[in-house]
């Protein structure tokens, strides 16, 4: 599980592109699947992928944690921002 702050931010597309470059390493592991998540909506994810060249063609799913349940569970939600 890879959490990132938000779609349409300047740092996130480069991080996701770098993760994509190493996806074969994760695919080679047994019982491992990469999933990325932010608190953006699925509609935001779709618009971002369609408009940001660096995140086009990602081979892993993008999860919408809009209700913040997952990010709270893992203790990474920043309540202030």
PDB file of N, CA and C in Angstrom:
ATOM      1  N   UNK A   1       0.856  -1.165   0.000  1.00  0.00           N
ATOM      2  CA  UNK A   1       0.000   0.000   0.000  1.00  0.00           C
ATOM      3  C   UNK A   1       0.900   1.224   0.000  1.00  0.00           C
ATOM      4  N   UNK A   2       0.704   2.062  -1.000  1.00  0.00           N
ATOM      5  CA  UNK A   2       1.487   3.288  -1.144  1.00  0.00           C
ATOM      6  C   UNK A   2       0.519   4.456  -1.057  1.00  0.00           C
ATOM      7  N   UNK A   3       0.649   5.261  -0.023  1.00  0.00           N
ATOM      8  CA  UNK A   3      -0.196   6.439   0.135  1.00  0.00           C
ATOM      9  C   UNK A   3       0.519   7.665  -0.422  1.00  0.00           C
ATOM     10  N   UNK A   4      -0.236   8.535  -1.054  1.00  0.00           N
ATOM     11  CA  UNK A   4       0.322   9.807  -1.512  1.00  0.00           C
ATOM     12  C   UNK A   4      -0.658  10.917  -1.133  1.00  0.00           C
ATOM     13  N   UNK A   5      -0.183  12.155  -1.015  1.00  0.00           N
ATOM     14  CA  UNK A   5      -1.012  13.233  -0.467  1.00  0.00           C
ATOM     15  C   UNK A   5      -2.271  13.549  -1.266  1.00  0.00           C
ATOM     16  N   UNK A   6      -2.134  13.770  -2.557  1.00  0.00           N
ATOM     17  CA  UNK A   6      -3.307  14.169  -3.345  1.00  0.00           C
ATOM     18  C   UNK A   6      -2.980  14.170  -4.828  1.00  0.00           C
ATOM     19  N   UNK A   7      -4.018  13.948  -5.634  1.00  0.00           N
ATOM     20  CA  UNK A   7      -3.876  14.092  -7.083  1.00  0.00           C
ATOM     21  C   UNK A   7      -3.576  15.556  -7.394  1.00  0.00           C
ATOM     22  N   UNK A   8      -2.996  15.805  -8.542  1.00  0.00           N
ATOM     23  CA  UNK A   8      -2.709  17.148  -9.041  1.00  0.00           C
ATOM     24  C   UNK A   8      -1.694  17.906  -8.186  1.00  0.00           C
ATOM     25  N   UNK A   9      -0.856  17.192  -7.454  1.00  0.00           N
ATOM     26  CA  UNK A   9       0.241  17.842  -6.735  1.00  0.00           C
ATOM     27  C   UNK A   9       1.526  17.611  -7.509  1.00  0.00           C
ATOM     28  N   UNK A  10       2.521  18.472  -7.317  1.00  0.00           N
ATOM     29  CA  UNK A  10       3.719  18.415  -8.154  1.00  0.00           C
ATOM     30  C   UNK A  10       4.657  17.258  -7.813  1.00  0.00           C
ATOM     31  N   UNK A  11       4.628  16.735  -6.604  1.00  0.00           N
ATOM     32  CA  UNK A  11       5.549  15.662  -6.222  1.00  0.00           C
ATOM     33  C   UNK A  11       4.989  14.290  -6.594  1.00  0.00           C
ATOM     34  N   UNK A  12       3.728  14.076  -6.415  1.00  0.00           N
ATOM     35  CA  UNK A  12       3.126  12.756  -6.555  1.00  0.00           C
ATOM     36  C   UNK A  12       3.315  12.067  -7.909  1.00  0.00           C
ATOM     37  N   UNK A  13       3.184  12.752  -9.048  1.00  0.00           N
ATOM     38  CA  UNK A  13       3.333  12.014 -10.303  1.00  0.00           C
ATOM     39  C   UNK A  13       4.724  11.426 -10.478  1.00  0.00           C
ATOM     40  N   UNK A  14       5.744  12.106 -10.010  1.00  0.00           N
ATOM     41  CA  UNK A  14       7.101  11.568 -10.150  1.00  0.00           C
ATOM     42  C   UNK A  14       7.298  10.358  -9.246  1.00  0.00           C
ATOM     43  N   UNK A  15       6.705  10.374  -8.063  1.00  0.00           N
ATOM     44  CA  UNK A  15       6.812   9.230  -7.161  1.00  0.00           C
ATOM     45  C   UNK A  15       6.093   8.013  -7.735  1.00  0.00           C
ATOM     46  N   UNK A  16       4.916   8.218  -8.302  1.00  0.00           N
ATOM     47  CA  UNK A  16       4.175   7.104  -8.878  1.00  0.00           C
ATOM     48  C   UNK A  16       4.870   6.563 -10.123  1.00  0.00           C
ATOM     49  N   UNK A  17       5.450   7.434 -10.910  1.00  0.00           N
ATOM     50  CA  UNK A  17       6.203   6.994 -12.093  1.00  0.00           C
ATOM     51  C   UNK A  17       7.414   6.163 -11.669  1.00  0.00           C
ATOM     52  N   UNK A  18       8.109   6.592 -10.612  1.00  0.00           N
ATOM     53  CA  UNK A  18       9.242   5.823 -10.103  1.00  0.00           C
ATOM     54  C   UNK A  18       8.797   4.467  -9.566  1.00  0.00           C
ATOM     55  N   UNK A  19       7.656   4.420  -8.913  1.00  0.00           N
ATOM     56  CA  UNK A  19       7.118   3.146  -8.446  1.00  0.00           C
ATOM     57  C   UNK A  19       6.818   2.236  -9.631  1.00  0.00           C
ATOM     58  N   UNK A  20       6.266   2.795 -10.695  1.00  0.00           N
ATOM     59  CA  UNK A  20       5.970   2.014 -11.894  1.00  0.00           C
ATOM     60  C   UNK A  20       7.240   1.407 -12.496  1.00  0.00           C
ATOM     61  N   UNK A  21       8.329   2.154 -12.450  1.00  0.00           N
ATOM     62  CA  UNK A  21       9.605   1.650 -12.989  1.00  0.00           C
ATOM     63  C   UNK A  21      10.084   0.411 -12.248  1.00  0.00           C
ATOM     64  N   UNK A  22       9.677   0.251 -10.990  1.00  0.00           N
ATOM     65  CA  UNK A  22      10.124  -0.870 -10.167  1.00  0.00           C
ATOM     66  C   UNK A  22       9.044  -1.926  -9.962  1.00  0.00           C
ATOM     67  N   UNK A  23       7.951  -1.807 -10.700  1.00  0.00           N
ATOM     68  CA  UNK A  23       6.823  -2.706 -10.487  1.00  0.00           C
ATOM     69  C   UNK A  23       7.183  -4.166 -10.759  1.00  0.00           C
ATOM     70  N   UNK A  24       8.114  -4.406 -11.653  1.00  0.00           N
ATOM     71  CA  UNK A  24       8.516  -5.791 -11.946  1.00  0.00           C
ATOM     72  C   UNK A  24       9.092  -6.471 -10.707  1.00  0.00           C
ATOM     73  N   UNK A  25       9.771  -5.715  -9.858  1.00  0.00           N
ATOM     74  CA  UNK A  25      10.321  -6.282  -8.619  1.00  0.00           C
ATOM     75  C   UNK A  25       9.200  -6.765  -7.702  1.00  0.00           C
ATOM     76  N   UNK A  26       8.127  -6.001  -7.618  1.00  0.00           N
ATOM     77  CA  UNK A  26       6.984  -6.405  -6.796  1.00  0.00           C
ATOM     78  C   UNK A  26       6.231  -7.562  -7.444  1.00  0.00           C
ATOM     79  N   UNK A  27       6.086  -7.518  -8.770  1.00  0.00           N
ATOM     80  CA  UNK A  27       5.396  -8.587  -9.483  1.00  0.00           C
ATOM     81  C   UNK A  27       6.109  -9.925  -9.311  1.00  0.00           C
ATOM     82  N   UNK A  28       7.424  -9.883  -9.138  1.00  0.00           N
ATOM     83  CA  UNK A  28       8.203 -11.111  -8.971  1.00  0.00           C
ATOM     84  C   UNK A  28       8.020 -11.740  -7.587  1.00  0.00           C
ATOM     85  N   UNK A  29       7.510 -10.974  -6.642  1.00  0.00           N
ATOM     86  CA  UNK A  29       7.287 -11.486  -5.290  1.00  0.00           C
ATOM     87  C   UNK A  29       5.980 -12.274  -5.231  1.00  0.00           C
ATOM     88  N   UNK A  30       5.961 -13.277  -4.396  1.00  0.00           N
ATOM     89  CA  UNK A  30       4.772 -14.101  -4.243  1.00  0.00           C
ATOM     90  C   UNK A  30       3.744 -13.385  -3.361  1.00  0.00           C
ATOM     91  N   UNK A  31       2.494 -13.425  -3.791  1.00  0.00           N
ATOM     92  CA  UNK A  31       1.379 -12.850  -3.024  1.00  0.00           C
ATOM     93  C   UNK A  31       1.537 -11.365  -2.723  1.00  0.00           C
ATOM     94  N   UNK A  32       2.060 -10.597  -3.669  1.00  0.00           N
ATOM     95  CA  UNK A  32       2.226  -9.155  -3.492  1.00  0.00           C
ATOM     96  C   UNK A  32       1.487  -8.428  -4.610  1.00  0.00           C
ATOM     97  N   UNK A  33       0.721  -7.441  -4.221  1.00  0.00           N
ATOM     98  CA  UNK A  33       0.073  -6.566  -5.198  1.00  0.00           C
ATOM     99  C   UNK A  33       0.238  -5.126  -4.732  1.00  0.00           C
ATOM    100  N   UNK A  34       0.658  -4.266  -5.616  1.00  0.00           N
ATOM    101  CA  UNK A  34       0.837  -2.851  -5.303  1.00  0.00           C
ATOM    102  C   UNK A  34      -0.487  -2.130  -5.520  1.00  0.00           C
ATOM    103  N   UNK A  35      -0.870  -1.330  -4.530  1.00  0.00           N
ATOM    104  CA  UNK A  35      -2.051  -0.477  -4.612  1.00  0.00           C
ATOM    105  C   UNK A  35      -1.637   0.892  -4.093  1.00  0.00           C
ATOM    106  N   UNK A  36      -2.012   1.939  -4.816  1.00  0.00           N
ATOM    107  CA  UNK A  36      -1.733   3.297  -4.343  1.00  0.00           C
ATOM    108  C   UNK A  36      -3.043   3.927  -3.896  1.00  0.00           C
ATOM    109  N   UNK A  37      -2.949   4.840  -2.929  1.00  0.00           N
ATOM    110  CA  UNK A  37      -4.172   5.427  -2.379  1.00  0.00           C
ATOM    111  C   UNK A  37      -3.965   6.875  -1.981  1.00  0.00           C
ATOM    112  N   UNK A  38      -5.026   7.636  -2.129  1.00  0.00           N
ATOM    113  CA  UNK A  38      -5.102   8.987  -1.580  1.00  0.00           C
ATOM    114  C   UNK A  38      -6.546   9.200  -1.159  1.00  0.00           C
ATOM    115  N   UNK A  39      -6.820  10.320  -0.539  1.00  0.00           N
ATOM    116  CA  UNK A  39      -8.188  10.610  -0.119  1.00  0.00           C
ATOM    117  C   UNK A  39      -8.996  11.309  -1.213  1.00  0.00           C
ATOM    118  N   UNK A  40      -8.436  11.380  -2.411  1.00  0.00           N
ATOM    119  CA  UNK A  40      -9.171  11.945  -3.546  1.00  0.00           C
ATOM    120  C   UNK A  40     -10.276  10.985  -3.991  1.00  0.00           C
ATOM    121  N   UNK A  41     -11.219  11.492  -4.752  1.00  0.00           N
ATOM    122  CA  UNK A  41     -12.297  10.664  -5.288  1.00  0.00           C
ATOM    123  C   UNK A  41     -11.820   9.878  -6.506  1.00  0.00           C
ATOM    124  N   UNK A  42     -12.585   8.879  -6.895  1.00  0.00           N
ATOM    125  CA  UNK A  42     -12.263   8.137  -8.117  1.00  0.00           C
ATOM    126  C   UNK A  42     -12.343   9.062  -9.332  1.00  0.00           C
ATOM    127  N   UNK A  43     -13.200  10.068  -9.265  1.00  0.00           N
ATOM    128  CA  UNK A  43     -13.326  11.011 -10.373  1.00  0.00           C
ATOM    129  C   UNK A  43     -12.070  11.882 -10.503  1.00  0.00           C
ATOM    130  N   UNK A  44     -11.504  12.249  -9.369  1.00  0.00           N
ATOM    131  CA  UNK A  44     -10.249  12.997  -9.376  1.00  0.00           C
ATOM    132  C   UNK A  44      -9.124  12.130  -9.924  1.00  0.00           C
ATOM    133  N   UNK A  45      -9.077  10.870  -9.496  1.00  0.00           N
ATOM    134  CA  UNK A  45      -8.057   9.943 -10.020  1.00  0.00           C
ATOM    135  C   UNK A  45      -8.150   9.854 -11.545  1.00  0.00           C
ATOM    136  N   UNK A  46      -9.361   9.684 -12.042  1.00  0.00           N
ATOM    137  CA  UNK A  46      -9.555   9.545 -13.486  1.00  0.00           C
ATOM    138  C   UNK A  46      -9.103  10.793 -14.232  1.00  0.00           C
ATOM    139  N   UNK A  47      -9.513  11.961 -13.754  1.00  0.00           N
ATOM    140  CA  UNK A  47      -9.132  13.216 -14.405  1.00  0.00           C
ATOM    141  C   UNK A  47      -7.623  13.414 -14.362  1.00  0.00           C
ATOM    142  N   UNK A  48      -7.000  13.053 -13.264  1.00  0.00           N
ATOM    143  CA  UNK A  48      -5.554  13.206 -13.112  1.00  0.00           C
ATOM    144  C   UNK A  48      -4.809  12.304 -14.088  1.00  0.00           C
ATOM    145  N   UNK A  49      -5.221  11.052 -14.166  1.00  0.00           N
ATOM    146  CA  UNK A  49      -4.564  10.112 -15.086  1.00  0.00           C
ATOM    147  C   UNK A  49      -4.735  10.567 -16.533  1.00  0.00           C
ATOM    148  N   UNK A  50      -5.872  11.137 -16.850  1.00  0.00           N
ATOM    149  CA  UNK A  50      -6.118  11.598 -18.221  1.00  0.00           C
ATOM    150  C   UNK A  50      -5.335  12.864 -18.563  1.00  0.00           C
ATOM    151  N   UNK A  51      -4.991  13.665 -17.543  1.00  0.00           N
ATOM    152  CA  UNK A  51      -4.353  14.947 -17.835  1.00  0.00           C
ATOM    153  C   UNK A  51      -2.860  15.005 -17.524  1.00  0.00           C
ATOM    154  N   UNK A  52      -2.362  14.118 -16.695  1.00  0.00           N
ATOM    155  CA  UNK A  52      -0.954  14.137 -16.281  1.00  0.00           C
ATOM    156  C   UNK A  52      -0.188  13.015 -16.979  1.00  0.00           C
ATOM    157  N   UNK A  53       0.698  13.392 -17.877  1.00  0.00           N
ATOM    158  CA  UNK A  53       1.446  12.414 -18.661  1.00  0.00           C
ATOM    159  C   UNK A  53       2.260  11.436 -17.838  1.00  0.00           C
ATOM    160  N   UNK A  54       2.787  11.865 -16.717  1.00  0.00           N
ATOM    161  CA  UNK A  54       3.627  10.980 -15.901  1.00  0.00           C
ATOM    162  C   UNK A  54       2.864   9.827 -15.262  1.00  0.00           C
ATOM    163  N   UNK A  55       1.556   9.953 -15.098  1.00  0.00           N
ATOM    164  CA  UNK A  55       0.803   8.873 -14.465  1.00  0.00           C
ATOM    165  C   UNK A  55      -0.038   8.069 -15.458  1.00  0.00           C
ATOM    166  N   UNK A  56       0.092   8.375 -16.725  1.00  0.00           N
ATOM    167  CA  UNK A  56      -0.598   7.571 -17.735  1.00  0.00           C
ATOM    168  C   UNK A  56       0.101   6.220 -17.849  1.00  0.00           C
ATOM    169  N   UNK A  57      -0.689   5.176 -17.970  1.00  0.00           N
ATOM    170  CA  UNK A  57      -0.136   3.837 -18.169  1.00  0.00           C
ATOM    171  C   UNK A  57       0.332   3.138 -16.904  1.00  0.00           C
ATOM    172  N   UNK A  58      -0.073   3.614 -15.745  1.00  0.00           N
ATOM    173  CA  UNK A  58       0.292   2.914 -14.515  1.00  0.00           C
ATOM    174  C   UNK A  58      -0.384   1.550 -14.504  1.00  0.00           C
ATOM    175  N   UNK A  59       0.321   0.538 -14.028  1.00  0.00           N
ATOM    176  CA  UNK A  59      -0.235  -0.813 -14.066  1.00  0.00           C
ATOM    177  C   UNK A  59      -0.820  -1.262 -12.735  1.00  0.00           C
ATOM    178  N   UNK A  60      -0.858  -0.384 -11.763  1.00  0.00           N
ATOM    179  CA  UNK A  60      -1.408  -0.757 -10.463  1.00  0.00           C
ATOM    180  C   UNK A  60      -2.675   0.051 -10.188  1.00  0.00           C
ATOM    181  N   UNK A  61      -3.573  -0.481  -9.364  1.00  0.00           N
ATOM    182  CA  UNK A  61      -4.817   0.226  -9.062  1.00  0.00           C
ATOM    183  C   UNK A  61      -4.607   1.435  -8.164  1.00  0.00           C
ATOM    184  N   UNK A  62      -5.473   2.421  -8.377  1.00  0.00           N
ATOM    185  CA  UNK A  62      -5.496   3.630  -7.546  1.00  0.00           C
ATOM    186  C   UNK A  62      -6.758   3.570  -6.693  1.00  0.00           C
ATOM    187  N   UNK A  63      -6.573   3.573  -5.396  1.00  0.00           N
ATOM    188  CA  UNK A  63      -7.675   3.460  -4.455  1.00  0.00           C
ATOM    189  C   UNK A  63      -8.118   4.835  -3.976  1.00  0.00           C
ATOM    190  N   UNK A  64      -9.426   5.036  -3.890  1.00  0.00           N
ATOM    191  CA  UNK A  64      -9.968   6.254  -3.318  1.00  0.00           C
ATOM    192  C   UNK A  64     -10.337   5.983  -1.864  1.00  0.00           C
ATOM    193  N   UNK A  65      -9.619   6.622  -0.955  1.00  0.00           N
ATOM    194  CA  UNK A  65      -9.903   6.490   0.476  1.00  0.00           C
ATOM    195  C   UNK A  65     -10.660   7.732   0.938  1.00  0.00           C
ATOM    196  N   UNK A  66     -11.723   8.046   0.242  1.00  0.00           N
ATOM    197  CA  UNK A  66     -12.470   9.283   0.491  1.00  0.00           C
ATOM    198  C   UNK A  66     -13.004   9.363   1.918  1.00  0.00           C
ATOM    199  N   UNK A  67     -13.378   8.219   2.490  1.00  0.00           N
ATOM    200  CA  UNK A  67     -13.893   8.231   3.862  1.00  0.00           C
ATOM    201  C   UNK A  67     -12.776   8.160   4.909  1.00  0.00           C
ATOM    202  N   UNK A  68     -11.534   8.118   4.477  1.00  0.00           N
ATOM    203  CA  UNK A  68     -10.313   8.108   5.297  1.00  0.00           C
ATOM    204  C   UNK A  68     -10.195   6.895   6.220  1.00  0.00           C
ATOM    205  N   UNK A  69     -10.993   5.870   5.997  1.00  0.00           N
ATOM    206  CA  UNK A  69     -10.937   4.687   6.850  1.00  0.00           C
ATOM    207  C   UNK A  69      -9.572   4.005   6.785  1.00  0.00           C
ATOM    208  N   UNK A  70      -9.061   3.798   5.584  1.00  0.00           N
ATOM    209  CA  UNK A  70      -7.796   3.066   5.413  1.00  0.00           C
ATOM    210  C   UNK A  70      -6.617   3.881   5.930  1.00  0.00           C
ATOM    211  N   UNK A  71      -6.576   5.161   5.593  1.00  0.00           N
ATOM    212  CA  UNK A  71      -5.456   5.984   6.069  1.00  0.00           C
ATOM    213  C   UNK A  71      -5.485   6.147   7.588  1.00  0.00           C
ATOM    214  N   UNK A  72      -6.665   6.174   8.171  1.00  0.00           N
ATOM    215  CA  UNK A  72      -6.753   6.197   9.643  1.00  0.00           C
ATOM    216  C   UNK A  72      -6.257   4.870  10.222  1.00  0.00           C
ATOM    217  N   UNK A  73      -6.669   3.772   9.606  1.00  0.00           N
ATOM    218  CA  UNK A  73      -6.274   2.445  10.080  1.00  0.00           C
ATOM    219  C   UNK A  73      -4.754   2.301  10.127  1.00  0.00           C
ATOM    220  N   UNK A  74      -4.088   2.788   9.093  1.00  0.00           N
ATOM    221  CA  UNK A  74      -2.630   2.692   9.029  1.00  0.00           C
ATOM    222  C   UNK A  74      -1.924   3.834   9.785  1.00  0.00           C
ATOM    223  N   UNK A  75      -2.697   4.783  10.307  1.00  0.00           N
ATOM    224  CA  UNK A  75      -2.124   5.858  11.117  1.00  0.00           C
ATOM    225  C   UNK A  75      -1.350   6.891  10.328  1.00  0.00           C
ATOM    226  N   UNK A  76      -1.709   7.090   9.069  1.00  0.00           N
ATOM    227  CA  UNK A  76      -0.951   8.056   8.265  1.00  0.00           C
ATOM    228  C   UNK A  76      -1.772   9.284   7.878  1.00  0.00           C
ATOM    229  N   UNK A  77      -3.023   9.349   8.309  1.00  0.00           N
ATOM    230  CA  UNK A  77      -3.860  10.493   7.967  1.00  0.00           C
ATOM    231  C   UNK A  77      -3.416  11.726   8.747  1.00  0.00           C
ATOM    232  N   UNK A  78      -3.198  12.808   8.015  1.00  0.00           N
ATOM    233  CA  UNK A  78      -2.869  14.079   8.647  1.00  0.00           C
ATOM    234  C   UNK A  78      -4.166  14.867   8.789  1.00  0.00           C
ATOM    235  N   UNK A  79      -4.706  14.871   9.983  1.00  0.00           N
ATOM    236  CA  UNK A  79      -6.001  15.509  10.236  1.00  0.00           C
ATOM    237  C   UNK A  79      -6.004  17.007   9.929  1.00  0.00           C
ATOM    238  N   UNK A  80      -4.853  17.648  10.063  1.00  0.00           N
ATOM    239  CA  UNK A  80      -4.776  19.095   9.875  1.00  0.00           C
ATOM    240  C   UNK A  80      -4.837  19.511   8.413  1.00  0.00           C
ATOM    241  N   UNK A  81      -4.331  18.664   7.526  1.00  0.00           N
ATOM    242  CA  UNK A  81      -4.320  19.033   6.109  1.00  0.00           C
ATOM    243  C   UNK A  81      -5.181  18.113   5.283  1.00  0.00           C
TER     244      UNK A  81
END
